[in-house]
Amino acid sequence: MEVHKILGPGLLEIVYKDALEIELKQNEIPFWREKQFQINYKGKILPRKYIADFVAFNDIILEIKADTNPLDNHLRQTLNYLALAKSPLGLIINFGEGSLQYKRVLKSGNIDDRHFNNS
């Protein structure tokens, strides 16, 4: 929320990622940025990899967006990351609207709408 409060909407996704990295470090939250996940196909590793924007606490996938489209468009991508990372939880965070939007995505494929927010 701090990043959106200071920068507001309308910037490139990479700018929000850079600012979020600063916030994560300042708050001593353990994370990896742009963590790569291999794709195994019939016992062979494919040359293409999925790259998650952030993985926090070794388990939570953070997908950062700066989009005016509904967050549902990014659900499939986040579910793929959850499966590859064997993570139970993902967050899609959208900085592209006038207020910060986020959705909590569970590995089961469900969206926990109780955690959908336009703040």
C-alpha atoms as a PDB file:
ATOM      1  CA  MET A   1       0.000   0.000   0.000  1.00  0.00           C
ATOM      2  CA  GLU A   2       2.907   2.326   0.742  1.00  0.00           C
ATOM      3  CA  VAL A   3       4.233   2.009  -2.817  1.00  0.00           C
ATOM      4  CA  HIS A   4       0.857   2.839  -4.345  1.00  0.00           C
ATOM      5  CA  LYS A   5       0.303   5.695  -1.879  1.00  0.00           C
ATOM      6  CA  ILE A   6       3.601   7.323  -2.856  1.00  0.00           C
ATOM      7  CA  LEU A   7       3.791   6.535  -6.583  1.00  0.00           C
ATOM      8  CA  GLY A   8       0.097   6.326  -7.508  1.00  0.00           C
ATOM      9  CA  PRO A   9      -1.122   4.615 -10.694  1.00  0.00           C
ATOM     10  CA  GLY A  10       0.130   4.975 -14.262  1.00  0.00           C
ATOM     11  CA  LEU A  11       3.790   3.963 -14.053  1.00  0.00           C
ATOM     12  CA  LEU A  12       5.468   0.959 -15.619  1.00  0.00           C
ATOM     13  CA  GLU A  13       5.324  -2.368 -13.808  1.00  0.00           C
ATOM     14  CA  ILE A  14       9.107  -2.415 -13.362  1.00  0.00           C
ATOM     15  CA  VAL A  15       8.957   0.843 -11.361  1.00  0.00           C
ATOM     16  CA  TYR A  16       6.521  -0.706  -8.878  1.00  0.00           C
ATOM     17  CA  LYS A  17       8.709  -3.809  -8.608  1.00  0.00           C
ATOM     18  CA  ASP A  18      11.758  -1.663  -7.824  1.00  0.00           C
ATOM     19  CA  ALA A  19       9.850   0.267  -5.167  1.00  0.00           C
ATOM     20  CA  LEU A  20       8.354  -2.899  -3.687  1.00  0.00           C
ATOM     21  CA  GLU A  21      11.836  -4.411  -3.428  1.00  0.00           C
ATOM     22  CA  ILE A  22      12.879  -1.424  -1.302  1.00  0.00           C
ATOM     23  CA  GLU A  23       9.822  -1.875   0.945  1.00  0.00           C
ATOM     24  CA  LEU A  24      10.453  -5.606   1.384  1.00  0.00           C
ATOM     25  CA  LYS A  25      14.082  -4.962   2.342  1.00  0.00           C
ATOM     26  CA  GLN A  26      13.199  -2.145   4.744  1.00  0.00           C
ATOM     27  CA  ASN A  27      10.618  -4.349   6.442  1.00  0.00           C
ATOM     28  CA  GLU A  28      13.061  -7.282   6.596  1.00  0.00           C
ATOM     29  CA  ILE A  29      10.757  -9.573   4.642  1.00  0.00           C
ATOM     30  CA  PRO A  30      12.729 -12.435   3.093  1.00  0.00           C
ATOM     31  CA  PHE A  31      12.188 -12.619  -0.672  1.00  0.00           C
ATOM     32  CA  TRP A  32      13.593 -13.538  -4.063  1.00  0.00           C
ATOM     33  CA  ARG A  33      13.036 -11.256  -6.984  1.00  0.00           C
ATOM     34  CA  GLU A  34      12.401 -12.719 -10.443  1.00  0.00           C
ATOM     35  CA  LYS A  35      12.739 -16.297  -9.235  1.00  0.00           C
ATOM     36  CA  GLN A  36      12.960 -18.786 -12.090  1.00  0.00           C
ATOM     37  CA  PHE A  37      11.044 -22.063 -12.105  1.00  0.00           C
ATOM     38  CA  GLN A  38      11.935 -24.933 -14.402  1.00  0.00           C
ATOM     39  CA  ILE A  39       9.299 -26.816 -16.340  1.00  0.00           C
ATOM     40  CA  ASN A  40       9.653 -30.581 -16.395  1.00  0.00           C
ATOM     41  CA  TYR A  41       8.123 -32.360 -19.372  1.00  0.00           C
ATOM     42  CA  LYS A  42       8.331 -36.163 -19.324  1.00  0.00           C
ATOM     43  CA  GLY A  43      11.511 -36.058 -17.274  1.00  0.00           C
ATOM     44  CA  LYS A  44      13.168 -33.385 -19.413  1.00  0.00           C
ATOM     45  CA  ILE A  45      13.675 -29.780 -18.381  1.00  0.00           C
ATOM     46  CA  LEU A  46      12.339 -27.387 -21.011  1.00  0.00           C
ATOM     47  CA  PRO A  47      14.548 -24.462 -22.077  1.00  0.00           C
ATOM     48  CA  ARG A  48      11.836 -21.895 -21.197  1.00  0.00           C
ATOM     49  CA  LYS A  49      11.264 -21.028 -17.575  1.00  0.00           C
ATOM     50  CA  TYR A  50       8.560 -19.269 -15.638  1.00  0.00           C
ATOM     51  CA  ILE A  51       9.800 -16.220 -13.766  1.00  0.00           C
ATOM     52  CA  ALA A  52       7.770 -15.094 -10.769  1.00  0.00           C
ATOM     53  CA  ASP A  53       8.079 -11.416  -9.888  1.00  0.00           C
ATOM     54  CA  PHE A  54       8.725 -12.129  -6.191  1.00  0.00           C
ATOM     55  CA  VAL A  55       8.642 -15.081  -3.831  1.00  0.00           C
ATOM     56  CA  ALA A  56       8.296 -13.989  -0.205  1.00  0.00           C
ATOM     57  CA  PHE A  57       8.885 -16.154   2.864  1.00  0.00           C
ATOM     58  CA  ASN A  58       9.982 -19.006   0.513  1.00  0.00           C
ATOM     59  CA  ASP A  59       6.347 -19.774  -0.258  1.00  0.00           C
ATOM     60  CA  ILE A  60       4.216 -16.812  -1.313  1.00  0.00           C
ATOM     61  CA  ILE A  61       4.178 -15.894  -5.001  1.00  0.00           C
ATOM     62  CA  LEU A  62       3.742 -12.157  -5.624  1.00  0.00           C
ATOM     63  CA  GLU A  63       2.670 -11.172  -9.119  1.00  0.00           C
ATOM     64  CA  ILE A  64       2.958  -7.434  -9.709  1.00  0.00           C
ATOM     65  CA  LYS A  65       0.813  -5.748 -12.351  1.00  0.00           C
ATOM     66  CA  ALA A  66       0.280  -2.188 -13.572  1.00  0.00           C
ATOM     67  CA  ASP A  67      -2.802  -2.820 -15.640  1.00  0.00           C
ATOM     68  CA  THR A  68      -6.244  -1.338 -16.084  1.00  0.00           C
ATOM     69  CA  ASN A  69      -7.702  -4.737 -17.042  1.00  0.00           C
ATOM     70  CA  PRO A  70      -9.411  -6.893 -14.438  1.00  0.00           C
ATOM     71  CA  LEU A  71      -7.095  -8.945 -12.258  1.00  0.00           C
ATOM     72  CA  ASP A  72      -8.801 -12.135 -13.428  1.00  0.00           C
ATOM     73  CA  ASN A  73      -6.694 -11.965 -16.604  1.00  0.00           C
ATOM     74  CA  HIS A  74      -3.625 -12.768 -14.508  1.00  0.00           C
ATOM     75  CA  LEU A  75      -5.122 -15.623 -12.503  1.00  0.00           C
ATOM     76  CA  ARG A  76      -3.949 -18.421 -14.810  1.00  0.00           C
ATOM     77  CA  GLN A  77      -0.365 -17.140 -14.765  1.00  0.00           C
ATOM     78  CA  THR A  78      -0.339 -17.044 -10.970  1.00  0.00           C
ATOM     79  CA  LEU A  79      -1.847 -20.541 -10.742  1.00  0.00           C
ATOM     80  CA  ASN A  80       0.916 -21.840 -13.018  1.00  0.00           C
ATOM     81  CA  TYR A  81       3.542 -20.323 -10.726  1.00  0.00           C
ATOM     82  CA  LEU A  82       1.886 -21.874  -7.674  1.00  0.00           C
ATOM     83  CA  ALA A  83       1.955 -25.310  -9.290  1.00  0.00           C
ATOM     84  CA  LEU A  84       5.572 -25.045 -10.432  1.00  0.00           C
ATOM     85  CA  ALA A  85       6.782 -23.628  -7.109  1.00  0.00           C
ATOM     86  CA  LYS A  86       4.616 -26.027  -5.092  1.00  0.00           C
ATOM     87  CA  SER A  87       3.447 -22.965  -3.177  1.00  0.00           C
ATOM     88  CA  PRO A  88       0.058 -22.798  -1.477  1.00  0.00           C
ATOM     89  CA  LEU A  89      -0.555 -19.072  -1.871  1.00  0.00           C
ATOM     90  CA  GLY A  90      -0.155 -16.284  -4.385  1.00  0.00           C
ATOM     91  CA  LEU A  91      -1.025 -12.611  -4.439  1.00  0.00           C
ATOM     92  CA  ILE A  92      -1.816 -10.641  -7.576  1.00  0.00           C
ATOM     93  CA  ILE A  93      -1.129  -6.992  -6.786  1.00  0.00           C
ATOM     94  CA  ASN A  94      -2.260  -4.385  -9.311  1.00  0.00           C
ATOM     95  CA  PHE A  95      -0.896  -0.849  -9.166  1.00  0.00           C
ATOM     96  CA  GLY A  96      -2.602   0.229 -12.415  1.00  0.00           C
ATOM     97  CA  GLU A  97      -5.853   1.540 -10.976  1.00  0.00           C
ATOM     98  CA  GLY A  98      -6.633   4.619  -8.921  1.00  0.00           C
ATOM     99  CA  SER A  99      -6.635   2.461  -5.811  1.00  0.00           C
ATOM    100  CA  LEU A 100      -4.452  -0.549  -5.062  1.00  0.00           C
ATOM    101  CA  GLN A 101      -6.040  -3.869  -6.001  1.00  0.00           C
ATOM    102  CA  TYR A 102      -5.043  -7.331  -4.873  1.00  0.00           C
ATOM    103  CA  LYS A 103      -6.356 -10.859  -4.967  1.00  0.00           C
ATOM    104  CA  ARG A 104      -5.301 -13.768  -2.830  1.00  0.00           C
ATOM    105  CA  VAL A 105      -5.023 -16.929  -4.958  1.00  0.00           C
ATOM    106  CA  LEU A 106      -5.008 -20.373  -3.379  1.00  0.00           C
ATOM    107  CA  LYS A 107      -3.193 -23.339  -4.938  1.00  0.00           C
ATOM    108  CA  SER A 108      -6.535 -25.127  -5.278  1.00  0.00           C
ATOM    109  CA  GLY A 109      -7.409 -22.583  -7.962  1.00  0.00           C
ATOM    110  CA  ASN A 110      -9.825 -20.722  -5.767  1.00  0.00           C
ATOM    111  CA  ILE A 111      -9.729 -17.006  -5.321  1.00  0.00           C
ATOM    112  CA  ASP A 112     -10.263 -16.007  -1.746  1.00  0.00           C
ATOM    113  CA  ASP A 113     -12.615 -13.095  -2.465  1.00  0.00           C
ATOM    114  CA  ARG A 114     -12.662 -12.160   1.193  1.00  0.00           C
ATOM    115  CA  HIS A 115      -9.188 -10.819   0.493  1.00  0.00           C
ATOM    116  CA  PHE A 116     -10.075  -8.984  -2.702  1.00  0.00           C
ATOM    117  CA  ASN A 117      -9.626  -5.333  -2.052  1.00  0.00           C
ATOM    118  CA  ASN A 118      -9.805  -2.005  -3.758  1.00  0.00           C
ATOM    119  CA  SER A 119      -8.106   0.102  -1.105  1.00  0.00           C
END
